[in-house]
């Protein structure tokens, strides 16, 4: 299985995604899965397009800021450069299995990518997470962020293990539900209920577009 993963790291949110993406890279390498990592200075649209065209990865894992029509890459000269944009180069995702850990990209971009073939797992609303401000320099030790980001990592791991898109999405849903129940059990603690509601929003925003039974081998 050939996999491509994007790893921006230029603000607090992308810093957390970067460290969680590193965990995915480690997992893939332990499983002898070929992984192409795009991080600064190679996290640019042209390099992404060339990598997809030449390497023909089956699985694409985007960690990024996003909106309804766009998945972003790095911040270049103060501006976020887009990697994939609807009506510009979204055809690059056609026929592939894509997971976009990015805000709102399933709302329109994901639908455009899967009109003919392929599968896009993403979110039709912002994918949100909170952090412990005392742990911003050690994201993997942040127990607050873990509630939100570990389920999304488990989704990606399921895809790397050859699970179908639907099975992987269900992994995210079930782990998020477990975390919500954990929070409800201590609902009197500050922030517990708000975190549970944010997890629920992520769950309801997730969509599996296109071929739900698609998997990589």
N, C-alpha and C. Protein backbone atom coordinates (compact mmCIF):
# COMPACT_ATOMS: atom_id res chain seq x y z
N UNK A 1 0.84 -1.19 0.00
CA UNK A 1 0.00 0.00 0.00
C UNK A 1 0.88 1.26 0.00
N UNK A 2 0.67 2.12 -0.95
CA UNK A 2 1.37 3.40 -0.97
C UNK A 2 0.48 4.46 -0.32
N UNK A 3 1.07 5.20 0.61
CA UNK A 3 0.32 6.21 1.36
C UNK A 3 1.03 7.55 1.30
N UNK A 4 0.26 8.60 1.19
CA UNK A 4 0.80 9.96 1.25
C UNK A 4 0.15 10.67 2.43
N UNK A 5 0.97 11.36 3.24
CA UNK A 5 0.44 12.06 4.40
C UNK A 5 1.00 13.48 4.43
N UNK A 6 0.13 14.44 4.70
CA UNK A 6 0.57 15.83 4.80
C UNK A 6 0.72 16.21 6.27
N UNK A 7 1.76 17.02 6.56
CA UNK A 7 2.11 17.31 7.95
C UNK A 7 2.48 18.78 8.14
N UNK A 8 1.50 19.68 8.07
CA UNK A 8 1.79 21.09 8.33
C UNK A 8 2.12 21.31 9.80
N UNK A 9 2.82 22.40 10.07
CA UNK A 9 3.17 22.71 11.46
C UNK A 9 3.52 24.19 11.55
N UNK A 10 2.51 25.05 11.57
CA UNK A 10 2.79 26.48 11.59
C UNK A 10 1.92 27.27 12.56
N UNK A 11 1.05 26.58 13.31
CA UNK A 11 0.29 27.24 14.37
C UNK A 11 -0.08 26.18 15.39
N UNK A 12 -0.80 26.56 16.43
CA UNK A 12 -1.10 25.60 17.50
C UNK A 12 -1.87 24.39 16.97
N UNK A 13 -2.89 24.62 16.16
CA UNK A 13 -3.71 23.52 15.67
C UNK A 13 -2.90 22.55 14.81
N UNK A 14 -2.15 23.09 13.85
CA UNK A 14 -1.38 22.21 12.96
C UNK A 14 -0.22 21.55 13.70
N UNK A 15 0.28 22.18 14.77
CA UNK A 15 1.32 21.55 15.58
C UNK A 15 0.80 20.25 16.20
N UNK A 16 -0.40 20.29 16.73
CA UNK A 16 -1.00 19.08 17.29
C UNK A 16 -1.20 18.03 16.21
N UNK A 17 -1.72 18.44 15.06
CA UNK A 17 -1.93 17.50 13.97
C UNK A 17 -0.61 16.89 13.52
N UNK A 18 0.44 17.68 13.52
CA UNK A 18 1.76 17.21 13.11
C UNK A 18 2.23 16.06 13.99
N UNK A 19 2.14 16.26 15.30
CA UNK A 19 2.62 15.21 16.20
C UNK A 19 1.76 13.96 16.14
N UNK A 20 0.47 14.11 15.96
CA UNK A 20 -0.38 12.94 15.80
C UNK A 20 -0.13 12.26 14.45
N UNK A 21 0.18 13.03 13.44
CA UNK A 21 0.53 12.45 12.14
C UNK A 21 1.85 11.67 12.23
N UNK A 22 2.77 12.14 13.05
CA UNK A 22 4.02 11.40 13.25
C UNK A 22 3.75 10.01 13.81
N UNK A 23 2.75 9.90 14.68
CA UNK A 23 2.37 8.60 15.21
C UNK A 23 1.86 7.68 14.10
N UNK A 24 1.16 8.23 13.13
CA UNK A 24 0.67 7.45 12.00
C UNK A 24 1.83 6.98 11.13
N UNK A 25 2.80 7.85 10.93
CA UNK A 25 3.98 7.48 10.13
C UNK A 25 4.72 6.33 10.81
N UNK A 26 4.91 6.42 12.12
CA UNK A 26 5.58 5.34 12.85
C UNK A 26 4.83 4.03 12.70
N UNK A 27 3.51 4.09 12.83
CA UNK A 27 2.71 2.88 12.70
C UNK A 27 2.86 2.27 11.31
N UNK A 28 2.77 3.12 10.29
CA UNK A 28 2.87 2.64 8.91
C UNK A 28 4.23 2.00 8.65
N UNK A 29 5.28 2.65 9.12
CA UNK A 29 6.62 2.12 8.89
C UNK A 29 6.83 0.78 9.59
N UNK A 30 6.23 0.62 10.77
CA UNK A 30 6.32 -0.66 11.48
C UNK A 30 5.60 -1.77 10.71
N UNK A 31 4.61 -1.38 9.92
CA UNK A 31 3.85 -2.35 9.11
C UNK A 31 4.42 -2.47 7.70
N UNK A 32 5.59 -1.86 7.48
CA UNK A 32 6.25 -1.89 6.15
C UNK A 32 5.39 -1.30 5.05
N UNK A 33 4.64 -0.27 5.41
CA UNK A 33 3.82 0.46 4.44
C UNK A 33 4.63 1.64 3.92
N UNK A 34 4.66 1.79 2.61
CA UNK A 34 5.40 2.89 2.00
C UNK A 34 4.67 4.20 2.26
N UNK A 35 5.35 5.15 2.93
CA UNK A 35 4.72 6.42 3.29
C UNK A 35 5.54 7.57 2.72
N UNK A 36 4.86 8.42 1.98
CA UNK A 36 5.47 9.66 1.51
C UNK A 36 5.01 10.78 2.42
N UNK A 37 5.96 11.40 3.13
CA UNK A 37 5.63 12.47 4.08
C UNK A 37 5.87 13.83 3.42
N UNK A 38 4.83 14.65 3.43
CA UNK A 38 4.99 16.02 2.93
C UNK A 38 4.94 16.97 4.10
N UNK A 39 6.09 17.54 4.42
CA UNK A 39 6.22 18.52 5.49
C UNK A 39 7.14 19.62 4.99
N UNK A 40 7.20 20.72 5.71
CA UNK A 40 8.05 21.84 5.32
C UNK A 40 9.49 21.36 5.09
N UNK A 41 10.15 21.74 3.98
CA UNK A 41 9.71 22.71 2.96
C UNK A 41 8.99 22.08 1.76
N UNK A 42 8.68 20.77 1.83
CA UNK A 42 8.12 20.07 0.68
C UNK A 42 6.60 20.10 0.65
N UNK A 43 5.98 20.72 1.63
CA UNK A 43 4.51 20.73 1.69
C UNK A 43 3.98 21.86 0.82
N UNK A 44 4.08 21.66 -0.48
CA UNK A 44 3.66 22.65 -1.47
C UNK A 44 2.76 21.98 -2.49
N UNK A 45 1.88 22.77 -3.09
CA UNK A 45 0.91 22.21 -4.03
C UNK A 45 1.60 21.48 -5.19
N UNK A 46 2.59 22.09 -5.78
CA UNK A 46 3.26 21.49 -6.94
C UNK A 46 3.87 20.14 -6.58
N UNK A 47 4.50 20.06 -5.41
CA UNK A 47 5.12 18.79 -5.00
C UNK A 47 4.05 17.75 -4.70
N UNK A 48 2.94 18.17 -4.08
CA UNK A 48 1.83 17.23 -3.84
C UNK A 48 1.31 16.68 -5.16
N UNK A 49 1.07 17.55 -6.12
CA UNK A 49 0.53 17.12 -7.41
C UNK A 49 1.49 16.15 -8.09
N UNK A 50 2.77 16.46 -8.04
CA UNK A 50 3.77 15.57 -8.65
C UNK A 50 3.83 14.23 -7.92
N UNK A 51 3.73 14.26 -6.59
CA UNK A 51 3.80 13.03 -5.80
C UNK A 51 2.62 12.11 -6.11
N UNK A 52 1.43 12.69 -6.21
CA UNK A 52 0.25 11.88 -6.52
C UNK A 52 0.35 11.30 -7.93
N UNK A 53 0.77 12.12 -8.87
CA UNK A 53 0.85 11.68 -10.26
C UNK A 53 1.91 10.59 -10.46
N UNK A 54 3.08 10.77 -9.85
CA UNK A 54 4.19 9.84 -10.07
C UNK A 54 4.13 8.61 -9.17
N UNK A 55 3.75 8.80 -7.91
CA UNK A 55 3.77 7.68 -6.97
C UNK A 55 2.47 6.90 -6.93
N UNK A 56 1.39 7.53 -7.36
CA UNK A 56 0.07 6.89 -7.42
C UNK A 56 -0.32 6.24 -6.08
N UNK A 57 -0.35 7.02 -4.99
CA UNK A 57 -0.71 6.45 -3.69
C UNK A 57 -2.18 6.03 -3.66
N UNK A 58 -2.43 4.92 -2.97
CA UNK A 58 -3.81 4.45 -2.81
C UNK A 58 -4.54 5.22 -1.72
N UNK A 59 -3.78 5.59 -0.68
CA UNK A 59 -4.38 6.22 0.50
C UNK A 59 -3.76 7.60 0.70
N UNK A 60 -4.62 8.60 0.88
CA UNK A 60 -4.18 9.96 1.13
C UNK A 60 -4.69 10.39 2.51
N UNK A 61 -3.77 10.83 3.36
CA UNK A 61 -4.12 11.28 4.70
C UNK A 61 -3.75 12.75 4.83
N UNK A 62 -4.75 13.61 4.83
CA UNK A 62 -4.52 15.05 4.93
C UNK A 62 -4.71 15.51 6.37
N UNK A 63 -3.74 16.23 6.89
CA UNK A 63 -3.84 16.91 8.17
C UNK A 63 -3.70 18.39 7.86
N UNK A 64 -4.74 19.15 8.08
CA UNK A 64 -4.71 20.50 7.50
C UNK A 64 -5.82 21.38 8.04
N UNK A 65 -5.66 22.67 7.80
CA UNK A 65 -6.80 23.56 7.83
C UNK A 65 -7.58 23.35 6.53
N UNK A 66 -8.86 23.64 6.58
CA UNK A 66 -9.66 23.46 5.38
C UNK A 66 -10.92 24.31 5.42
N UNK A 67 -11.62 24.30 4.30
CA UNK A 67 -12.95 24.89 4.23
C UNK A 67 -13.77 24.05 3.28
N UNK A 68 -14.94 24.52 2.90
CA UNK A 68 -15.87 23.70 2.12
C UNK A 68 -15.29 23.21 0.79
N UNK A 69 -14.38 23.96 0.21
CA UNK A 69 -13.86 23.61 -1.13
C UNK A 69 -12.36 23.36 -1.15
N UNK A 70 -11.70 23.43 0.00
CA UNK A 70 -10.24 23.49 -0.02
C UNK A 70 -9.59 22.72 1.13
N UNK A 71 -8.47 22.07 0.80
CA UNK A 71 -7.56 21.53 1.81
C UNK A 71 -6.25 22.29 1.66
N UNK A 72 -5.76 22.84 2.77
CA UNK A 72 -4.57 23.68 2.73
C UNK A 72 -3.31 22.89 3.08
N UNK A 73 -2.17 23.51 2.77
CA UNK A 73 -0.88 22.90 3.07
C UNK A 73 -0.11 23.73 4.06
N UNK A 74 1.00 24.30 3.62
CA UNK A 74 1.85 25.10 4.49
C UNK A 74 1.47 26.57 4.37
N UNK A 75 1.98 27.36 5.30
CA UNK A 75 1.84 28.81 5.20
C UNK A 75 3.11 29.35 4.55
N UNK A 76 2.93 29.99 3.41
CA UNK A 76 4.06 30.47 2.62
C UNK A 76 3.98 31.99 2.53
N UNK A 77 5.02 32.66 3.04
CA UNK A 77 5.06 34.12 3.04
C UNK A 77 3.79 34.72 3.67
N UNK A 78 3.36 34.10 4.76
CA UNK A 78 2.22 34.60 5.51
C UNK A 78 0.85 34.18 5.00
N UNK A 79 0.81 33.47 3.88
CA UNK A 79 -0.46 33.03 3.30
C UNK A 79 -0.53 31.51 3.23
N UNK A 80 -1.69 30.96 3.57
CA UNK A 80 -1.87 29.52 3.45
C UNK A 80 -2.01 29.14 1.98
N UNK A 81 -1.18 28.21 1.55
CA UNK A 81 -1.25 27.73 0.17
C UNK A 81 -2.19 26.53 0.11
N UNK A 82 -3.08 26.53 -0.86
CA UNK A 82 -3.97 25.37 -0.96
C UNK A 82 -3.24 24.21 -1.62
N UNK A 83 -3.60 22.99 -1.19
CA UNK A 83 -3.10 21.77 -1.81
C UNK A 83 -4.10 21.22 -2.80
N UNK A 84 -5.34 21.11 -2.35
CA UNK A 84 -6.44 20.61 -3.19
C UNK A 84 -7.57 21.61 -3.12
N UNK A 85 -8.08 22.00 -4.28
CA UNK A 85 -9.21 22.92 -4.33
C UNK A 85 -10.19 22.47 -5.40
N UNK A 86 -11.45 22.49 -5.02
CA UNK A 86 -12.51 22.11 -5.96
C UNK A 86 -12.45 22.97 -7.21
N UNK A 87 -12.59 22.31 -8.36
CA UNK A 87 -12.57 22.92 -9.69
C UNK A 87 -11.17 23.37 -10.13
N UNK A 88 -10.18 23.17 -9.26
CA UNK A 88 -8.80 23.48 -9.63
C UNK A 88 -8.02 22.19 -9.89
N UNK A 89 -7.95 21.32 -8.88
CA UNK A 89 -7.20 20.08 -9.04
C UNK A 89 -7.80 18.92 -8.25
N UNK A 90 -9.10 19.04 -7.93
CA UNK A 90 -9.71 18.00 -7.10
C UNK A 90 -9.75 16.64 -7.78
N UNK A 91 -9.59 16.61 -9.10
CA UNK A 91 -9.60 15.34 -9.83
C UNK A 91 -8.46 14.42 -9.39
N UNK A 92 -7.43 14.99 -8.77
CA UNK A 92 -6.32 14.17 -8.29
C UNK A 92 -6.77 13.14 -7.25
N UNK A 93 -7.87 13.40 -6.58
CA UNK A 93 -8.36 12.49 -5.55
C UNK A 93 -9.32 11.45 -6.09
N UNK A 94 -9.76 11.61 -7.32
CA UNK A 94 -10.72 10.68 -7.90
C UNK A 94 -10.12 9.27 -7.95
N UNK A 95 -10.87 8.30 -7.48
CA UNK A 95 -10.43 6.91 -7.51
C UNK A 95 -9.56 6.51 -6.34
N UNK A 96 -9.30 7.44 -5.44
CA UNK A 96 -8.44 7.15 -4.29
C UNK A 96 -9.25 7.17 -3.00
N UNK A 97 -8.65 6.60 -1.96
CA UNK A 97 -9.24 6.63 -0.63
C UNK A 97 -8.57 7.76 0.14
N UNK A 98 -9.38 8.73 0.54
CA UNK A 98 -8.87 9.94 1.18
C UNK A 98 -9.50 10.13 2.55
N UNK A 99 -8.66 10.46 3.55
CA UNK A 99 -9.17 10.92 4.83
C UNK A 99 -8.61 12.31 5.08
N UNK A 100 -9.51 13.27 5.22
CA UNK A 100 -9.10 14.67 5.45
C UNK A 100 -9.45 15.07 6.88
N UNK A 101 -8.43 15.14 7.72
CA UNK A 101 -8.62 15.65 9.08
C UNK A 101 -8.48 17.17 8.95
N UNK A 102 -9.56 17.76 8.47
CA UNK A 102 -9.56 19.18 8.12
C UNK A 102 -10.99 19.70 8.22
N UNK A 103 -11.14 20.95 8.55
CA UNK A 103 -12.46 21.53 8.72
C UNK A 103 -13.24 21.57 7.40
N UNK A 104 -14.46 21.06 7.44
CA UNK A 104 -15.52 21.35 6.45
C UNK A 104 -15.27 20.83 5.03
N UNK A 105 -14.16 20.11 4.78
CA UNK A 105 -13.82 19.74 3.41
C UNK A 105 -14.80 18.76 2.77
N UNK A 106 -15.58 18.05 3.60
CA UNK A 106 -16.56 17.12 3.04
C UNK A 106 -17.81 17.82 2.54
N UNK A 107 -17.98 19.09 2.90
CA UNK A 107 -19.22 19.80 2.55
C UNK A 107 -19.40 19.93 1.05
N UNK A 108 -18.32 20.17 0.33
CA UNK A 108 -18.41 20.32 -1.13
C UNK A 108 -17.27 19.62 -1.85
N UNK A 109 -16.03 19.84 -1.40
CA UNK A 109 -14.87 19.23 -2.04
C UNK A 109 -14.98 17.72 -2.08
N UNK A 110 -15.31 17.12 -0.96
CA UNK A 110 -15.41 15.66 -0.90
C UNK A 110 -16.43 15.10 -1.87
N UNK A 111 -17.53 15.80 -2.04
CA UNK A 111 -18.55 15.35 -2.98
C UNK A 111 -18.03 15.43 -4.41
N UNK A 112 -17.31 16.50 -4.73
CA UNK A 112 -16.76 16.66 -6.08
C UNK A 112 -15.74 15.57 -6.39
N UNK A 113 -14.96 15.18 -5.39
CA UNK A 113 -13.90 14.18 -5.59
C UNK A 113 -14.44 12.79 -5.84
N UNK A 114 -15.67 12.52 -5.41
CA UNK A 114 -16.19 11.15 -5.45
C UNK A 114 -17.37 10.99 -6.41
N UNK A 115 -17.57 11.93 -7.29
CA UNK A 115 -18.68 11.84 -8.24
C UNK A 115 -18.52 10.64 -9.18
N UNK A 116 -17.28 10.31 -9.52
CA UNK A 116 -17.04 9.21 -10.46
C UNK A 116 -16.54 7.95 -9.78
N UNK A 117 -15.63 8.10 -8.82
CA UNK A 117 -15.03 6.93 -8.18
C UNK A 117 -14.28 7.38 -6.95
N UNK A 118 -13.94 6.42 -6.09
CA UNK A 118 -13.15 6.72 -4.91
C UNK A 118 -14.00 6.95 -3.67
N UNK A 119 -13.32 7.29 -2.58
CA UNK A 119 -14.00 7.53 -1.31
C UNK A 119 -13.31 8.66 -0.57
N UNK A 120 -14.09 9.51 0.04
CA UNK A 120 -13.58 10.65 0.79
C UNK A 120 -14.22 10.64 2.17
N UNK A 121 -13.40 10.51 3.20
CA UNK A 121 -13.86 10.60 4.58
C UNK A 121 -13.46 11.97 5.11
N UNK A 122 -14.42 12.71 5.59
CA UNK A 122 -14.10 14.04 6.08
C UNK A 122 -15.22 14.60 6.92
N UNK A 123 -15.25 15.91 7.05
CA UNK A 123 -16.19 16.59 7.94
C UNK A 123 -16.89 17.71 7.19
N UNK A 124 -18.21 17.79 7.34
CA UNK A 124 -18.96 18.84 6.65
C UNK A 124 -19.11 20.11 7.49
N UNK A 125 -18.53 20.06 8.68
CA UNK A 125 -18.46 21.21 9.58
C UNK A 125 -17.03 21.27 10.13
N UNK A 126 -16.69 22.29 10.90
CA UNK A 126 -15.34 22.31 11.47
C UNK A 126 -15.04 21.07 12.31
N UNK A 127 -13.84 20.52 12.13
CA UNK A 127 -13.33 19.48 13.01
C UNK A 127 -12.59 20.21 14.13
N UNK A 128 -13.11 20.10 15.34
CA UNK A 128 -12.62 20.94 16.43
C UNK A 128 -12.04 20.11 17.56
N UNK A 129 -11.08 20.67 18.25
CA UNK A 129 -10.55 20.04 19.46
C UNK A 129 -10.03 21.12 20.40
N UNK A 130 -10.10 20.79 21.69
CA UNK A 130 -9.56 21.68 22.69
C UNK A 130 -8.25 21.13 23.21
N UNK A 131 -7.48 22.01 23.84
CA UNK A 131 -6.17 21.61 24.35
C UNK A 131 -5.99 22.07 25.78
N UNK A 132 -5.04 21.46 26.44
CA UNK A 132 -4.59 21.90 27.75
C UNK A 132 -3.44 22.88 27.50
N UNK A 133 -3.64 24.13 27.83
CA UNK A 133 -2.65 25.15 27.50
C UNK A 133 -1.29 24.91 28.17
N UNK A 134 -1.26 24.08 29.18
CA UNK A 134 0.01 23.76 29.84
C UNK A 134 0.78 22.67 29.10
N UNK A 135 0.15 22.12 28.04
CA UNK A 135 0.76 21.00 27.32
C UNK A 135 1.03 21.31 25.85
N UNK A 136 0.99 22.56 25.46
CA UNK A 136 1.12 22.88 24.04
C UNK A 136 2.48 22.52 23.46
N UNK A 137 3.50 22.40 24.32
CA UNK A 137 4.81 22.01 23.81
C UNK A 137 4.99 20.50 23.78
N UNK A 138 4.05 19.77 24.37
CA UNK A 138 4.09 18.30 24.36
C UNK A 138 2.70 17.77 24.02
N UNK A 139 2.28 17.95 22.76
CA UNK A 139 0.90 17.61 22.38
C UNK A 139 0.48 16.17 22.69
N UNK A 140 1.37 15.22 22.58
CA UNK A 140 0.99 13.83 22.80
C UNK A 140 0.72 13.52 24.27
N UNK A 141 1.11 14.43 25.16
CA UNK A 141 0.83 14.25 26.58
C UNK A 141 -0.39 15.05 27.03
N UNK A 142 -1.04 15.70 26.08
CA UNK A 142 -2.21 16.53 26.37
C UNK A 142 -3.46 15.63 26.41
N UNK A 143 -3.94 15.36 27.61
CA UNK A 143 -5.07 14.44 27.77
C UNK A 143 -6.38 15.03 27.25
N UNK A 144 -6.47 16.36 27.23
CA UNK A 144 -7.67 17.00 26.69
C UNK A 144 -7.73 16.81 25.17
N UNK A 145 -6.66 17.15 24.49
CA UNK A 145 -6.62 17.01 23.04
C UNK A 145 -6.77 15.55 22.62
N UNK A 146 -6.25 14.64 23.44
CA UNK A 146 -6.30 13.22 23.12
C UNK A 146 -7.74 12.72 22.93
N UNK A 147 -8.66 13.29 23.69
CA UNK A 147 -10.07 12.90 23.58
C UNK A 147 -10.58 13.09 22.15
N UNK A 148 -10.08 14.10 21.47
CA UNK A 148 -10.55 14.44 20.12
C UNK A 148 -9.68 13.85 19.02
N UNK A 149 -8.37 13.83 19.25
CA UNK A 149 -7.45 13.47 18.18
C UNK A 149 -7.14 11.98 18.11
N UNK A 150 -7.20 11.29 19.25
CA UNK A 150 -6.92 9.85 19.18
C UNK A 150 -7.98 9.09 18.36
N UNK A 151 -9.27 9.42 18.48
CA UNK A 151 -10.24 8.74 17.61
C UNK A 151 -9.96 8.95 16.13
N UNK A 152 -9.51 10.15 15.76
CA UNK A 152 -9.20 10.39 14.35
C UNK A 152 -7.94 9.63 13.92
N UNK A 153 -6.98 9.48 14.82
CA UNK A 153 -5.81 8.65 14.51
C UNK A 153 -6.21 7.19 14.34
N UNK A 154 -7.13 6.73 15.18
CA UNK A 154 -7.56 5.33 15.08
C UNK A 154 -8.29 5.08 13.76
N UNK A 155 -8.99 6.09 13.26
CA UNK A 155 -9.61 5.98 11.94
C UNK A 155 -8.54 5.76 10.88
N UNK A 156 -7.49 6.59 10.91
CA UNK A 156 -6.41 6.46 9.93
C UNK A 156 -5.70 5.13 10.07
N UNK A 157 -5.48 4.67 11.30
CA UNK A 157 -4.83 3.38 11.53
C UNK A 157 -5.67 2.24 10.96
N UNK A 158 -6.98 2.34 11.12
CA UNK A 158 -7.86 1.32 10.55
C UNK A 158 -7.70 1.26 9.03
N UNK A 159 -7.60 2.40 8.38
CA UNK A 159 -7.38 2.43 6.94
C UNK A 159 -6.04 1.81 6.57
N UNK A 160 -5.01 2.13 7.35
CA UNK A 160 -3.68 1.57 7.11
C UNK A 160 -3.67 0.05 7.30
N UNK A 161 -4.57 -0.44 8.14
CA UNK A 161 -4.68 -1.89 8.38
C UNK A 161 -5.54 -2.59 7.34
N UNK A 162 -6.05 -1.85 6.38
CA UNK A 162 -6.85 -2.46 5.32
C UNK A 162 -8.33 -2.52 5.58
N UNK A 163 -8.80 -1.81 6.62
CA UNK A 163 -10.23 -1.78 6.89
C UNK A 163 -10.93 -0.92 5.83
N UNK A 164 -12.21 -1.17 5.62
CA UNK A 164 -12.97 -0.38 4.67
C UNK A 164 -13.19 1.03 5.22
N UNK A 165 -13.56 1.93 4.34
CA UNK A 165 -13.84 3.30 4.75
C UNK A 165 -14.92 3.33 5.82
N UNK A 166 -15.97 2.56 5.63
CA UNK A 166 -17.05 2.53 6.61
C UNK A 166 -16.58 1.97 7.94
N UNK A 167 -15.81 0.89 7.91
CA UNK A 167 -15.30 0.31 9.15
C UNK A 167 -14.40 1.31 9.89
N UNK A 168 -13.57 2.02 9.14
CA UNK A 168 -12.68 3.00 9.76
C UNK A 168 -13.46 4.15 10.38
N UNK A 169 -14.47 4.63 9.66
CA UNK A 169 -15.31 5.70 10.18
C UNK A 169 -16.04 5.26 11.44
N UNK A 170 -16.48 4.01 11.45
CA UNK A 170 -17.15 3.48 12.64
C UNK A 170 -16.20 3.41 13.83
N UNK A 171 -14.93 3.14 13.56
CA UNK A 171 -13.93 3.14 14.63
C UNK A 171 -13.85 4.50 15.29
N UNK A 172 -13.83 5.55 14.46
CA UNK A 172 -13.83 6.92 14.98
C UNK A 172 -15.08 7.18 15.80
N UNK A 173 -16.22 6.80 15.25
CA UNK A 173 -17.50 7.06 15.91
C UNK A 173 -17.56 6.35 17.27
N UNK A 174 -17.16 5.08 17.30
CA UNK A 174 -17.26 4.31 18.54
C UNK A 174 -16.31 4.81 19.61
N UNK A 175 -15.10 5.20 19.20
CA UNK A 175 -14.15 5.70 20.19
C UNK A 175 -14.58 7.07 20.71
N UNK A 176 -15.11 7.90 19.82
CA UNK A 176 -15.62 9.20 20.25
C UNK A 176 -16.79 9.03 21.21
N UNK A 177 -17.67 8.08 20.90
CA UNK A 177 -18.80 7.80 21.79
C UNK A 177 -18.32 7.35 23.17
N UNK A 178 -17.30 6.50 23.19
CA UNK A 178 -16.73 6.03 24.46
C UNK A 178 -16.18 7.21 25.25
N UNK A 179 -15.53 8.14 24.56
CA UNK A 179 -14.97 9.32 25.25
C UNK A 179 -16.08 10.22 25.79
N UNK A 180 -17.18 10.32 25.05
CA UNK A 180 -18.31 11.10 25.53
C UNK A 180 -18.89 10.49 26.81
N UNK A 181 -19.04 9.17 26.82
CA UNK A 181 -19.57 8.50 28.01
C UNK A 181 -18.63 8.71 29.20
N UNK A 182 -17.34 8.69 28.93
CA UNK A 182 -16.35 8.96 29.99
C UNK A 182 -16.53 10.36 30.56
N UNK A 183 -16.78 11.32 29.69
CA UNK A 183 -16.97 12.71 30.13
C UNK A 183 -18.29 12.88 30.88
N UNK A 184 -19.32 12.18 30.43
CA UNK A 184 -20.62 12.28 31.10
C UNK A 184 -20.55 11.71 32.52
N UNK A 185 -19.66 10.74 32.72
CA UNK A 185 -19.52 10.15 34.05
C UNK A 185 -18.90 11.12 35.04
N UNK A 186 -18.24 12.15 34.53
CA UNK A 186 -17.66 13.16 35.42
C UNK A 186 -18.12 14.56 34.98
N UNK A 187 -19.42 14.65 34.71
CA UNK A 187 -19.98 15.88 34.15
C UNK A 187 -19.89 17.08 35.07
N UNK A 188 -19.65 16.85 36.35
CA UNK A 188 -19.53 17.97 37.28
C UNK A 188 -18.17 18.66 37.19
N UNK A 189 -17.22 18.02 36.52
CA UNK A 189 -15.90 18.62 36.38
C UNK A 189 -15.95 19.74 35.35
N UNK A 190 -15.20 20.82 35.56
CA UNK A 190 -15.21 21.94 34.62
C UNK A 190 -14.81 21.51 33.21
N UNK A 191 -15.64 21.89 32.25
CA UNK A 191 -15.33 21.62 30.85
C UNK A 191 -15.76 20.28 30.33
N UNK A 192 -16.20 19.38 31.21
CA UNK A 192 -16.53 18.02 30.77
C UNK A 192 -17.69 18.02 29.79
N UNK A 193 -18.76 18.72 30.10
CA UNK A 193 -19.93 18.71 29.25
C UNK A 193 -19.67 19.44 27.93
N UNK A 194 -18.90 20.51 28.00
CA UNK A 194 -18.56 21.24 26.78
C UNK A 194 -17.71 20.38 25.85
N UNK A 195 -16.79 19.61 26.43
CA UNK A 195 -15.97 18.70 25.62
C UNK A 195 -16.84 17.61 25.01
N UNK A 196 -17.78 17.10 25.77
CA UNK A 196 -18.68 16.07 25.24
C UNK A 196 -19.48 16.60 24.06
N UNK A 197 -19.95 17.82 24.15
CA UNK A 197 -20.72 18.42 23.06
C UNK A 197 -19.85 18.63 21.82
N UNK A 198 -18.59 19.01 22.03
CA UNK A 198 -17.70 19.22 20.89
C UNK A 198 -17.37 17.90 20.22
N UNK A 199 -17.18 16.85 21.00
CA UNK A 199 -16.97 15.52 20.43
C UNK A 199 -18.18 15.09 19.61
N UNK A 200 -19.36 15.35 20.14
CA UNK A 200 -20.58 15.00 19.43
C UNK A 200 -20.68 15.75 18.11
N UNK A 201 -20.29 17.01 18.12
CA UNK A 201 -20.30 17.80 16.87
C UNK A 201 -19.36 17.18 15.83
N UNK A 202 -18.17 16.74 16.25
CA UNK A 202 -17.25 16.09 15.32
C UNK A 202 -17.85 14.81 14.76
N UNK A 203 -18.51 14.04 15.62
CA UNK A 203 -19.13 12.79 15.18
C UNK A 203 -20.21 13.04 14.14
N UNK A 204 -21.07 14.00 14.40
CA UNK A 204 -22.19 14.24 13.49
C UNK A 204 -21.73 14.93 12.21
N UNK A 205 -20.56 15.58 12.25
CA UNK A 205 -20.05 16.26 11.05
C UNK A 205 -19.33 15.31 10.11
N UNK A 206 -18.96 14.14 10.59
CA UNK A 206 -18.19 13.21 9.75
C UNK A 206 -19.07 12.59 8.67
N UNK A 207 -18.51 12.51 7.46
CA UNK A 207 -19.20 11.88 6.34
C UNK A 207 -18.27 10.92 5.61
N UNK A 208 -18.84 9.85 5.11
CA UNK A 208 -18.13 8.93 4.22
C UNK A 208 -18.80 9.06 2.86
N UNK A 209 -18.09 9.66 1.92
CA UNK A 209 -18.63 9.97 0.60
C UNK A 209 -18.06 9.01 -0.45
N UNK A 210 -18.91 8.58 -1.36
CA UNK A 210 -18.43 7.68 -2.40
C UNK A 210 -18.55 6.22 -1.97
N UNK A 211 -17.58 5.43 -2.34
CA UNK A 211 -17.60 3.98 -2.11
C UNK A 211 -17.21 3.65 -0.67
N UNK A 212 -18.20 3.41 0.18
CA UNK A 212 -17.94 3.16 1.60
C UNK A 212 -17.19 1.87 1.84
N UNK A 213 -17.21 0.94 0.88
CA UNK A 213 -16.53 -0.34 1.06
C UNK A 213 -15.09 -0.31 0.52
N UNK A 214 -14.65 0.82 0.05
CA UNK A 214 -13.30 0.94 -0.49
C UNK A 214 -12.28 0.73 0.62
N UNK A 215 -11.22 0.00 0.28
CA UNK A 215 -10.14 -0.25 1.23
C UNK A 215 -8.83 -0.37 0.48
N UNK A 216 -7.72 -0.26 1.18
CA UNK A 216 -6.40 -0.38 0.57
C UNK A 216 -5.78 -1.72 0.99
N UNK A 217 -4.97 -2.26 0.13
CA UNK A 217 -4.33 -3.54 0.44
C UNK A 217 -2.88 -3.53 0.03
